[in-house]
Protein backbone atom coordinates (compact mmCIF):
# COMPACT_ATOMS: atom_id res chain seq x y z
CA UNK A 1 0.19 -20.60 -20.04
CA UNK A 2 -1.11 -18.26 -17.52
CA UNK A 3 2.26 -17.19 -16.39
CA UNK A 4 2.97 -15.90 -19.82
CA UNK A 5 -0.27 -13.81 -19.84
CA UNK A 6 0.33 -12.50 -16.30
CA UNK A 7 3.89 -11.44 -17.42
CA UNK A 8 3.04 -9.49 -20.40
CA UNK A 9 0.54 -7.57 -18.21
CA UNK A 10 3.25 -6.46 -16.04
CA UNK A 11 4.47 -2.96 -16.86
CA UNK A 12 8.18 -2.14 -16.01
CA UNK A 13 8.94 1.15 -14.64
CA UNK A 14 11.19 3.34 -16.68
CA UNK A 15 14.99 2.97 -15.80
CA UNK A 16 15.07 6.40 -14.52
CA UNK A 17 12.59 5.61 -11.50
CA UNK A 18 14.88 4.02 -9.10
CA UNK A 19 17.54 6.68 -10.07
CA UNK A 20 15.18 9.58 -9.28
CA UNK A 21 13.90 7.83 -6.19
CA UNK A 22 17.48 7.21 -4.86
CA UNK A 23 18.55 11.04 -5.76
CA UNK A 24 15.69 12.75 -4.15
CA UNK A 25 16.37 14.60 -0.87
CA UNK A 26 14.83 13.10 2.39
CA UNK A 27 11.14 13.90 2.37
CA UNK A 28 9.67 15.62 4.24
CA UNK A 29 12.27 17.90 5.98
CA UNK A 30 12.65 17.49 9.74
CA UNK A 31 10.56 20.64 10.42
CA UNK A 32 7.54 18.80 9.11
CA UNK A 33 8.03 16.07 11.74
CA UNK A 34 8.34 18.61 14.54
CA UNK A 35 5.02 20.29 13.33
CA UNK A 36 3.38 16.93 13.64
CA UNK A 37 5.03 15.28 16.56
CA UNK A 38 5.41 18.04 19.06
CA UNK A 39 1.68 18.92 19.22
CA UNK A 40 0.77 15.22 19.08
CA UNK A 41 3.06 14.45 22.07
CA UNK A 42 1.72 17.63 23.82
CA UNK A 43 -1.81 16.55 23.36
CA UNK A 44 -0.90 13.03 24.52
CA UNK A 45 0.64 14.18 27.89
CA UNK A 46 -1.88 16.93 28.64
CA UNK A 47 -5.19 15.55 27.54
CA UNK A 48 -5.15 11.77 26.84
CA UNK A 49 -5.64 9.54 30.01
CA UNK A 50 -2.83 7.37 30.89
CA UNK A 51 -4.70 4.25 29.76
CA UNK A 52 -5.16 5.53 26.27
CA UNK A 53 -1.78 7.09 25.57
CA UNK A 54 -0.26 4.32 23.65
CA UNK A 55 -3.36 3.88 21.53
CA UNK A 56 -3.23 7.59 20.67
CA UNK A 57 0.28 7.59 19.79
CA UNK A 58 -0.18 4.60 17.68
CA UNK A 59 -3.00 6.35 15.80
CA UNK A 60 -0.71 9.34 15.31
CA UNK A 61 2.00 6.93 13.98
CA UNK A 62 -0.49 5.67 11.46
CA UNK A 63 -1.55 8.99 10.26
CA UNK A 64 2.22 10.18 9.99
CA UNK A 65 3.13 6.93 8.04
CA UNK A 66 0.26 7.67 5.59
CA UNK A 67 1.31 11.27 5.22
CA UNK A 68 4.92 10.14 4.41
CA UNK A 69 3.73 7.54 1.94
CA UNK A 70 1.43 10.03 0.25
CA UNK A 71 4.12 12.73 0.06
CA UNK A 72 6.77 10.48 -1.12
CA UNK A 73 4.36 9.14 -3.88
CA UNK A 74 3.31 12.57 -5.10
CA UNK A 75 6.87 13.72 -5.31
CA UNK A 76 8.07 10.68 -7.14
CA UNK A 77 5.06 11.00 -9.57
CA UNK A 78 5.86 14.72 -10.16
CA UNK A 79 9.59 13.99 -11.03
CA UNK A 80 8.68 11.14 -13.31
CA UNK A 81 6.31 13.31 -15.26
CA UNK A 82 8.82 16.04 -15.40
CA UNK A 83 11.66 13.79 -16.41
């Protein structure tokens, strides 16, 4: 009984969503990665003490992953609204 109620609440994505996601070019371009990782690594080697370098780069990785997720979501939503 509950399964039927939950199944009706699930909204399927339009059939174009997977096609648009697969067709979009790699986001962001490599230049965006260079703009983030080169300064992050430079700061890591010059300013961060050796004992904290792994923690610093792990935090940078979390921020980069959040940025990638956000930019991917925004571009997918814009393409779906425009399609």
